[in-house]
């Protein structure tokens, strides 16, 4: 299984960010794949946030593509990660 790189865009005081962090941790354990999660504080890394067009947090990019802005439903996030595993497997 190929590695999946997730960028979790956050900011201080973000109400939904802890829920997304926990969801990513839980799904990483559940799926058992090689998922690397990097937290990106948009108040510190403004350039990367701008590159993705992040206007609000939480936001999630998977393998370089912005997939979610706001807190996604766990099943939607799980499906996006599974789909990425499938794409990587076929390449």
PDB file of N, CA and C in Angstrom:
ATOM      1  N   UNK A   1       0.841  -1.182   0.000  1.00  0.00           N
ATOM      2  CA  UNK A   1       0.000   0.000   0.000  1.00  0.00           C
ATOM      3  C   UNK A   1       0.885   1.244   0.000  1.00  0.00           C
ATOM      4  N   UNK A   2       0.569   2.202  -0.842  1.00  0.00           N
ATOM      5  CA  UNK A   2       1.327   3.437  -0.939  1.00  0.00           C
ATOM      6  C   UNK A   2       0.992   4.377   0.213  1.00  0.00           C
ATOM      7  N   UNK A   3       1.931   5.255   0.502  1.00  0.00           N
ATOM      8  CA  UNK A   3       1.732   6.236   1.561  1.00  0.00           C
ATOM      9  C   UNK A   3       0.763   7.325   1.103  1.00  0.00           C
ATOM     10  N   UNK A   4      -0.040   7.778   2.050  1.00  0.00           N
ATOM     11  CA  UNK A   4      -0.939   8.906   1.823  1.00  0.00           C
ATOM     12  C   UNK A   4      -0.468  10.035   2.726  1.00  0.00           C
ATOM     13  N   UNK A   5      -0.351  11.216   2.126  1.00  0.00           N
ATOM     14  CA  UNK A   5       0.115  12.386   2.866  1.00  0.00           C
ATOM     15  C   UNK A   5      -1.066  13.327   3.053  1.00  0.00           C
ATOM     16  N   UNK A   6      -1.395  13.598   4.318  1.00  0.00           N
ATOM     17  CA  UNK A   6      -2.536  14.444   4.656  1.00  0.00           C
ATOM     18  C   UNK A   6      -2.031  15.714   5.330  1.00  0.00           C
ATOM     19  N   UNK A   7      -2.484  16.858   4.823  1.00  0.00           N
ATOM     20  CA  UNK A   7      -2.192  18.130   5.462  1.00  0.00           C
ATOM     21  C   UNK A   7      -3.472  18.594   6.151  1.00  0.00           C
ATOM     22  N   UNK A   8      -3.384  18.743   7.457  1.00  0.00           N
ATOM     23  CA  UNK A   8      -4.509  19.138   8.299  1.00  0.00           C
ATOM     24  C   UNK A   8      -4.305  20.608   8.653  1.00  0.00           C
ATOM     25  N   UNK A   9      -5.034  21.499   7.976  1.00  0.00           N
ATOM     26  CA  UNK A   9      -4.882  22.935   8.186  1.00  0.00           C
ATOM     27  C   UNK A   9      -5.664  23.360   9.426  1.00  0.00           C
ATOM     28  N   UNK A  10      -4.953  24.027  10.341  1.00  0.00           N
ATOM     29  CA  UNK A  10      -5.514  24.427  11.631  1.00  0.00           C
ATOM     30  C   UNK A  10      -5.171  25.883  11.921  1.00  0.00           C
ATOM     31  N   UNK A  11      -5.728  26.400  13.000  1.00  0.00           N
ATOM     32  CA  UNK A  11      -5.308  27.694  13.543  1.00  0.00           C
ATOM     33  C   UNK A  11      -5.634  27.703  15.034  1.00  0.00           C
ATOM     34  N   UNK A  12      -4.945  28.563  15.786  1.00  0.00           N
ATOM     35  CA  UNK A  12      -5.243  28.652  17.218  1.00  0.00           C
ATOM     36  C   UNK A  12      -6.709  29.052  17.429  1.00  0.00           C
ATOM     37  N   UNK A  13      -7.340  28.396  18.362  1.00  0.00           N
ATOM     38  CA  UNK A  13      -8.726  28.723  18.684  1.00  0.00           C
ATOM     39  C   UNK A  13      -9.753  28.087  17.766  1.00  0.00           C
ATOM     40  N   UNK A  14      -9.312  27.293  16.818  1.00  0.00           N
ATOM     41  CA  UNK A  14     -10.235  26.622  15.885  1.00  0.00           C
ATOM     42  C   UNK A  14     -11.061  25.590  16.663  1.00  0.00           C
ATOM     43  N   UNK A  15     -12.366  25.762  16.644  1.00  0.00           N
ATOM     44  CA  UNK A  15     -13.256  24.895  17.413  1.00  0.00           C
ATOM     45  C   UNK A  15     -13.318  23.478  16.838  1.00  0.00           C
ATOM     46  N   UNK A  16     -13.356  23.342  15.514  1.00  0.00           N
ATOM     47  CA  UNK A  16     -13.500  22.028  14.897  1.00  0.00           C
ATOM     48  C   UNK A  16     -12.201  21.281  14.685  1.00  0.00           C
ATOM     49  N   UNK A  17     -11.068  21.955  14.836  1.00  0.00           N
ATOM     50  CA  UNK A  17      -9.776  21.326  14.545  1.00  0.00           C
ATOM     51  C   UNK A  17      -9.461  20.103  15.413  1.00  0.00           C
ATOM     52  N   UNK A  18      -9.718  20.138  16.713  1.00  0.00           N
ATOM     53  CA  UNK A  18      -9.438  18.937  17.512  1.00  0.00           C
ATOM     54  C   UNK A  18     -10.252  17.718  17.063  1.00  0.00           C
ATOM     55  N   UNK A  19     -11.478  17.942  16.628  1.00  0.00           N
ATOM     56  CA  UNK A  19     -12.312  16.822  16.161  1.00  0.00           C
ATOM     57  C   UNK A  19     -11.718  16.202  14.894  1.00  0.00           C
ATOM     58  N   UNK A  20     -11.226  17.045  13.992  1.00  0.00           N
ATOM     59  CA  UNK A  20     -10.612  16.542  12.757  1.00  0.00           C
ATOM     60  C   UNK A  20      -9.328  15.790  13.082  1.00  0.00           C
ATOM     61  N   UNK A  21      -8.540  16.326  13.994  1.00  0.00           N
ATOM     62  CA  UNK A  21      -7.299  15.657  14.394  1.00  0.00           C
ATOM     63  C   UNK A  21      -7.594  14.261  14.929  1.00  0.00           C
ATOM     64  N   UNK A  22      -8.587  14.147  15.791  1.00  0.00           N
ATOM     65  CA  UNK A  22      -8.958  12.854  16.364  1.00  0.00           C
ATOM     66  C   UNK A  22      -9.504  11.914  15.289  1.00  0.00           C
ATOM     67  N   UNK A  23     -10.292  12.458  14.374  1.00  0.00           N
ATOM     68  CA  UNK A  23     -10.846  11.659  13.284  1.00  0.00           C
ATOM     69  C   UNK A  23      -9.725  11.087  12.403  1.00  0.00           C
ATOM     70  N   UNK A  24      -8.742  11.918  12.071  1.00  0.00           N
ATOM     71  CA  UNK A  24      -7.621  11.458  11.245  1.00  0.00           C
ATOM     72  C   UNK A  24      -6.821  10.381  11.970  1.00  0.00           C
ATOM     73  N   UNK A  25      -6.600  10.564  13.260  1.00  0.00           N
ATOM     74  CA  UNK A  25      -5.879   9.562  14.047  1.00  0.00           C
ATOM     75  C   UNK A  25      -6.639   8.241  14.065  1.00  0.00           C
ATOM     76  N   UNK A  26      -7.924   8.319  14.323  1.00  0.00           N
ATOM     77  CA  UNK A  26      -8.763   7.131  14.390  1.00  0.00           C
ATOM     78  C   UNK A  26      -8.804   6.393  13.045  1.00  0.00           C
ATOM     79  N   UNK A  27      -8.985   7.144  11.960  1.00  0.00           N
ATOM     80  CA  UNK A  27      -9.061   6.520  10.637  1.00  0.00           C
ATOM     81  C   UNK A  27      -7.722   5.931  10.218  1.00  0.00           C
ATOM     82  N   UNK A  28      -6.647   6.576  10.578  1.00  0.00           N
ATOM     83  CA  UNK A  28      -5.325   6.050  10.269  1.00  0.00           C
ATOM     84  C   UNK A  28      -5.134   4.690  10.929  1.00  0.00           C
ATOM     85  N   UNK A  29      -5.542   4.580  12.176  1.00  0.00           N
ATOM     86  CA  UNK A  29      -5.446   3.307  12.895  1.00  0.00           C
ATOM     87  C   UNK A  29      -6.399   2.276  12.298  1.00  0.00           C
ATOM     88  N   UNK A  30      -7.626   2.708  11.986  1.00  0.00           N
ATOM     89  CA  UNK A  30      -8.638   1.795  11.458  1.00  0.00           C
ATOM     90  C   UNK A  30      -8.254   1.237  10.090  1.00  0.00           C
ATOM     91  N   UNK A  31      -7.752   2.094   9.216  1.00  0.00           N
ATOM     92  CA  UNK A  31      -7.432   1.668   7.863  1.00  0.00           C
ATOM     93  C   UNK A  31      -6.110   0.923   7.786  1.00  0.00           C
ATOM     94  N   UNK A  32      -5.258   1.127   8.779  1.00  0.00           N
ATOM     95  CA  UNK A  32      -4.025   0.364   8.849  1.00  0.00           C
ATOM     96  C   UNK A  32      -3.048   0.642   7.731  1.00  0.00           C
ATOM     97  N   UNK A  33      -3.281   1.686   6.983  1.00  0.00           N
ATOM     98  CA  UNK A  33      -2.368   2.018   5.899  1.00  0.00           C
ATOM     99  C   UNK A  33      -1.305   2.985   6.354  1.00  0.00           C
ATOM    100  N   UNK A  34      -0.477   3.341   5.435  1.00  0.00           N
ATOM    101  CA  UNK A  34       0.612   4.262   5.718  1.00  0.00           C
ATOM    102  C   UNK A  34       0.124   5.685   5.465  1.00  0.00           C
ATOM    103  N   UNK A  35      -0.414   6.311   6.504  1.00  0.00           N
ATOM    104  CA  UNK A  35      -0.963   7.664   6.402  1.00  0.00           C
ATOM    105  C   UNK A  35      -0.113   8.584   7.263  1.00  0.00           C
ATOM    106  N   UNK A  36       0.466   9.593   6.626  1.00  0.00           N
ATOM    107  CA  UNK A  36       1.229  10.609   7.330  1.00  0.00           C
ATOM    108  C   UNK A  36       0.382  11.863   7.414  1.00  0.00           C
ATOM    109  N   UNK A  37       0.208  12.381   8.623  1.00  0.00           N
ATOM    110  CA  UNK A  37      -0.595  13.589   8.827  1.00  0.00           C
ATOM    111  C   UNK A  37       0.323  14.698   9.332  1.00  0.00           C
ATOM    112  N   UNK A  38       0.268  15.833   8.647  1.00  0.00           N
ATOM    113  CA  UNK A  38       1.009  17.010   9.087  1.00  0.00           C
ATOM    114  C   UNK A  38       0.021  18.112   9.413  1.00  0.00           C
ATOM    115  N   UNK A  39       0.122  18.658  10.612  1.00  0.00           N
ATOM    116  CA  UNK A  39      -0.691  19.810  10.969  1.00  0.00           C
ATOM    117  C   UNK A  39      -0.021  21.066  10.415  1.00  0.00           C
ATOM    118  N   UNK A  40      -0.812  21.887   9.730  1.00  0.00           N
ATOM    119  CA  UNK A  40      -0.305  23.121   9.144  1.00  0.00           C
ATOM    120  C   UNK A  40      -1.084  24.277   9.765  1.00  0.00           C
ATOM    121  N   UNK A  41      -0.401  25.079  10.574  1.00  0.00           N
ATOM    122  CA  UNK A  41      -1.022  26.242  11.201  1.00  0.00           C
ATOM    123  C   UNK A  41      -1.054  27.367  10.170  1.00  0.00           C
ATOM    124  N   UNK A  42      -2.243  27.766   9.760  1.00  0.00           N
ATOM    125  CA  UNK A  42      -2.355  28.764   8.692  1.00  0.00           C
ATOM    126  C   UNK A  42      -1.890  30.151   9.129  1.00  0.00           C
ATOM    127  N   UNK A  43      -1.760  30.381  10.432  1.00  0.00           N
ATOM    128  CA  UNK A  43      -1.250  31.677  10.892  1.00  0.00           C
ATOM    129  C   UNK A  43       0.271  31.722  10.817  1.00  0.00           C
ATOM    130  N   UNK A  44       0.896  30.551  10.700  1.00  0.00           N
ATOM    131  CA  UNK A  44       2.354  30.456  10.590  1.00  0.00           C
ATOM    132  C   UNK A  44       2.764  30.219   9.140  1.00  0.00           C
ATOM    133  N   UNK A  45       2.140  29.259   8.487  1.00  0.00           N
ATOM    134  CA  UNK A  45       2.471  28.902   7.105  1.00  0.00           C
ATOM    135  C   UNK A  45       1.418  29.490   6.158  1.00  0.00           C
ATOM    136  N   UNK A  46       1.419  30.796   6.058  1.00  0.00           N
ATOM    137  CA  UNK A  46       0.421  31.485   5.235  1.00  0.00           C
ATOM    138  C   UNK A  46       0.598  31.182   3.749  1.00  0.00           C
ATOM    139  N   UNK A  47       1.829  30.937   3.334  1.00  0.00           N
ATOM    140  CA  UNK A  47       2.096  30.649   1.923  1.00  0.00           C
ATOM    141  C   UNK A  47       1.425  29.352   1.496  1.00  0.00           C
ATOM    142  N   UNK A  48       1.591  28.307   2.291  1.00  0.00           N
ATOM    143  CA  UNK A  48       0.992  27.012   1.926  1.00  0.00           C
ATOM    144  C   UNK A  48      -0.524  27.095   1.973  1.00  0.00           C
ATOM    145  N   UNK A  49      -1.053  27.793   2.967  1.00  0.00           N
ATOM    146  CA  UNK A  49      -2.503  27.970   3.042  1.00  0.00           C
ATOM    147  C   UNK A  49      -3.012  28.686   1.795  1.00  0.00           C
ATOM    148  N   UNK A  50      -2.293  29.700   1.345  1.00  0.00           N
ATOM    149  CA  UNK A  50      -2.689  30.446   0.141  1.00  0.00           C
ATOM    150  C   UNK A  50      -2.586  29.582  -1.109  1.00  0.00           C
ATOM    151  N   UNK A  51      -1.561  28.738  -1.185  1.00  0.00           N
ATOM    152  CA  UNK A  51      -1.392  27.856  -2.347  1.00  0.00           C
ATOM    153  C   UNK A  51      -2.597  26.933  -2.530  1.00  0.00           C
ATOM    154  N   UNK A  52      -3.157  26.490  -1.426  1.00  0.00           N
ATOM    155  CA  UNK A  52      -4.321  25.601  -1.477  1.00  0.00           C
ATOM    156  C   UNK A  52      -5.641  26.357  -1.525  1.00  0.00           C
ATOM    157  N   UNK A  53      -5.600  27.655  -1.293  1.00  0.00           N
ATOM    158  CA  UNK A  53      -6.828  28.440  -1.253  1.00  0.00           C
ATOM    159  C   UNK A  53      -7.622  28.239   0.021  1.00  0.00           C
ATOM    160  N   UNK A  54      -6.934  27.902   1.100  1.00  0.00           N
ATOM    161  CA  UNK A  54      -7.603  27.689   2.383  1.00  0.00           C
ATOM    162  C   UNK A  54      -8.079  29.035   2.917  1.00  0.00           C
ATOM    163  N   UNK A  55      -9.380  29.164   3.078  1.00  0.00           N
ATOM    164  CA  UNK A  55      -9.978  30.400   3.570  1.00  0.00           C
ATOM    165  C   UNK A  55     -10.505  30.258   4.994  1.00  0.00           C
ATOM    166  N   UNK A  56     -10.709  29.021   5.420  1.00  0.00           N
ATOM    167  CA  UNK A  56     -11.191  28.763   6.773  1.00  0.00           C
ATOM    168  C   UNK A  56     -10.667  27.403   7.220  1.00  0.00           C
ATOM    169  N   UNK A  57     -10.689  27.201   8.509  1.00  0.00           N
ATOM    170  CA  UNK A  57     -10.223  25.942   9.072  1.00  0.00           C
ATOM    171  C   UNK A  57     -11.320  25.321   9.921  1.00  0.00           C
ATOM    172  N   UNK A  58     -11.280  24.017  10.067  1.00  0.00           N
ATOM    173  CA  UNK A  58     -10.277  23.100   9.553  1.00  0.00           C
ATOM    174  C   UNK A  58     -10.424  22.883   8.048  1.00  0.00           C
ATOM    175  N   UNK A  59      -9.313  22.497   7.447  1.00  0.00           N
ATOM    176  CA  UNK A  59      -9.290  22.130   6.033  1.00  0.00           C
ATOM    177  C   UNK A  59      -8.338  20.949   5.888  1.00  0.00           C
ATOM    178  N   UNK A  60      -8.616  20.089   4.927  1.00  0.00           N
ATOM    179  CA  UNK A  60      -7.819  18.872   4.758  1.00  0.00           C
ATOM    180  C   UNK A  60      -7.432  18.716   3.297  1.00  0.00           C
ATOM    181  N   UNK A  61      -6.123  18.547   3.069  1.00  0.00           N
ATOM    182  CA  UNK A  61      -5.611  18.210   1.743  1.00  0.00           C
ATOM    183  C   UNK A  61      -5.067  16.788   1.811  1.00  0.00           C
ATOM    184  N   UNK A  62      -5.340  16.026   0.762  1.00  0.00           N
ATOM    185  CA  UNK A  62      -4.856  14.654   0.681  1.00  0.00           C
ATOM    186  C   UNK A  62      -4.007  14.533  -0.578  1.00  0.00           C
ATOM    187  N   UNK A  63      -2.756  14.144  -0.385  1.00  0.00           N
ATOM    188  CA  UNK A  63      -1.795  14.017  -1.479  1.00  0.00           C
ATOM    189  C   UNK A  63      -1.794  15.241  -2.392  1.00  0.00           C
ATOM    190  N   UNK A  64      -1.762  16.418  -1.768  1.00  0.00           N
ATOM    191  CA  UNK A  64      -1.606  17.655  -2.522  1.00  0.00           C
ATOM    192  C   UNK A  64      -2.857  18.255  -3.107  1.00  0.00           C
ATOM    193  N   UNK A  65      -4.016  17.700  -2.773  1.00  0.00           N
ATOM    194  CA  UNK A  65      -5.280  18.223  -3.299  1.00  0.00           C
ATOM    195  C   UNK A  65      -6.226  18.539  -2.140  1.00  0.00           C
ATOM    196  N   UNK A  66      -6.693  19.782  -2.100  1.00  0.00           N
ATOM    197  CA  UNK A  66      -7.626  20.185  -1.048  1.00  0.00           C
ATOM    198  C   UNK A  66      -8.936  19.416  -1.231  1.00  0.00           C
ATOM    199  N   UNK A  67      -9.325  18.682  -0.199  1.00  0.00           N
ATOM    200  CA  UNK A  67     -10.520  17.829  -0.281  1.00  0.00           C
ATOM    201  C   UNK A  67     -11.674  18.336   0.573  1.00  0.00           C
ATOM    202  N   UNK A  68     -11.356  18.929   1.738  1.00  0.00           N
ATOM    203  CA  UNK A  68     -12.417  19.336   2.660  1.00  0.00           C
ATOM    204  C   UNK A  68     -12.102  20.693   3.274  1.00  0.00           C
ATOM    205  N   UNK A  69     -13.128  21.521   3.413  1.00  0.00           N
ATOM    206  CA  UNK A  69     -13.050  22.721   4.246  1.00  0.00           C
ATOM    207  C   UNK A  69     -14.215  22.599   5.217  1.00  0.00           C
ATOM    208  N   UNK A  70     -13.912  22.743   6.496  1.00  0.00           N
ATOM    209  CA  UNK A  70     -14.894  22.477   7.527  1.00  0.00           C
ATOM    210  C   UNK A  70     -14.693  21.068   8.051  1.00  0.00           C
ATOM    211  N   UNK A  71     -15.466  20.701   9.025  1.00  0.00           N
ATOM    212  CA  UNK A  71     -15.355  19.362   9.620  1.00  0.00           C
ATOM    213  C   UNK A  71     -16.153  18.385   8.751  1.00  0.00           C
ATOM    214  N   UNK A  72     -15.467  17.438   8.100  1.00  0.00           N
ATOM    215  CA  UNK A  72     -16.196  16.473   7.275  1.00  0.00           C
ATOM    216  C   UNK A  72     -16.859  15.414   8.144  1.00  0.00           C
ATOM    217  N   UNK A  73     -17.839  14.754   7.578  1.00  0.00           N
ATOM    218  CA  UNK A  73     -18.385  13.572   8.234  1.00  0.00           C
ATOM    219  C   UNK A  73     -17.306  12.500   8.179  1.00  0.00           C
ATOM    220  N   UNK A  74     -17.225  11.714   9.235  1.00  0.00           N
ATOM    221  CA  UNK A  74     -16.175  10.699   9.308  1.00  0.00           C
ATOM    222  C   UNK A  74     -16.231   9.751   8.113  1.00  0.00           C
ATOM    223  N   UNK A  75     -17.419   9.363   7.713  1.00  0.00           N
ATOM    224  CA  UNK A  75     -17.548   8.435   6.579  1.00  0.00           C
ATOM    225  C   UNK A  75     -17.062   9.065   5.272  1.00  0.00           C
ATOM    226  N   UNK A  76     -17.272  10.372   5.095  1.00  0.00           N
ATOM    227  CA  UNK A  76     -16.784  11.046   3.887  1.00  0.00           C
ATOM    228  C   UNK A  76     -15.261  11.084   3.868  1.00  0.00           C
ATOM    229  N   UNK A  77     -14.662  11.374   5.018  1.00  0.00           N
ATOM    230  CA  UNK A  77     -13.204  11.401   5.114  1.00  0.00           C
ATOM    231  C   UNK A  77     -12.638   9.995   4.902  1.00  0.00           C
ATOM    232  N   UNK A  78     -13.277   9.011   5.485  1.00  0.00           N
ATOM    233  CA  UNK A  78     -12.834   7.623   5.315  1.00  0.00           C
ATOM    234  C   UNK A  78     -12.879   7.226   3.847  1.00  0.00           C
ATOM    235  N   UNK A  79     -13.956   7.573   3.153  1.00  0.00           N
ATOM    236  CA  UNK A  79     -14.082   7.248   1.738  1.00  0.00           C
ATOM    237  C   UNK A  79     -12.987   7.931   0.920  1.00  0.00           C
ATOM    238  N   UNK A  80     -12.684   9.187   1.233  1.00  0.00           N
ATOM    239  CA  UNK A  80     -11.633   9.909   0.506  1.00  0.00           C
ATOM    240  C   UNK A  80     -10.274   9.231   0.699  1.00  0.00           C
ATOM    241  N   UNK A  81      -9.997   8.763   1.917  1.00  0.00           N
ATOM    242  CA  UNK A  81      -8.733   8.077   2.170  1.00  0.00           C
ATOM    243  C   UNK A  81      -8.686   6.727   1.459  1.00  0.00           C
ATOM    244  N   UNK A  82      -9.771   5.979   1.508  1.00  0.00           N
ATOM    245  CA  UNK A  82      -9.830   4.682   0.822  1.00  0.00           C
ATOM    246  C   UNK A  82      -9.667   4.883  -0.690  1.00  0.00           C
ATOM    247  N   UNK A  83     -10.350   5.887  -1.233  1.00  0.00           N
ATOM    248  CA  UNK A  83     -10.220   6.180  -2.664  1.00  0.00           C
ATOM    249  C   UNK A  83      -8.769   6.482  -3.022  1.00  0.00           C
ATOM    250  N   UNK A  84      -8.078   7.205  -2.157  1.00  0.00           N
ATOM    251  CA  UNK A  84      -6.672   7.546  -2.414  1.00  0.00           C
ATOM    252  C   UNK A  84      -5.798   6.298  -2.379  1.00  0.00           C
ATOM    253  N   UNK A  85      -6.087   5.379  -1.453  1.00  0.00           N
ATOM    254  CA  UNK A  85      -5.355   4.107  -1.439  1.00  0.00           C
ATOM    255  C   UNK A  85      -5.565   3.364  -2.756  1.00  0.00           C
ATOM    256  N   UNK A  86      -6.803   3.375  -3.259  1.00  0.00           N
ATOM    257  CA  UNK A  86      -7.119   2.687  -4.520  1.00  0.00           C
ATOM    258  C   UNK A  86      -6.379   3.321  -5.694  1.00  0.00           C
ATOM    259  N   UNK A  87      -6.347   4.652  -5.732  1.00  0.00           N
ATOM    260  CA  UNK A  87      -5.637   5.364  -6.811  1.00  0.00           C
ATOM    261  C   UNK A  87      -4.154   5.006  -6.763  1.00  0.00           C
ATOM    262  N   UNK A  88      -3.578   5.031  -5.561  1.00  0.00           N
ATOM    263  CA  UNK A  88      -2.156   4.722  -5.419  1.00  0.00           C
ATOM    264  C   UNK A  88      -1.866   3.274  -5.806  1.00  0.00           C
ATOM    265  N   UNK A  89      -2.756   2.383  -5.489  1.00  0.00           N
ATOM    266  CA  UNK A  89      -2.564   0.965  -5.791  1.00  0.00           C
ATOM    267  C   UNK A  89      -2.540   0.723  -7.294  1.00  0.00           C
ATOM    268  N   UNK A  90      -3.365   1.483  -8.036  1.00  0.00           N
ATOM    269  CA  UNK A  90      -3.461   1.270  -9.481  1.00  0.00           C
ATOM    270  C   UNK A  90      -2.310   1.936 -10.249  1.00  0.00           C
ATOM    271  N   UNK A  91      -1.560   2.809  -9.593  1.00  0.00           N
ATOM    272  CA  UNK A  91      -0.426   3.491 -10.279  1.00  0.00           C
ATOM    273  C   UNK A  91       0.840   2.692 -10.205  1.00  0.00           C
TER     274      UNK A  91
END
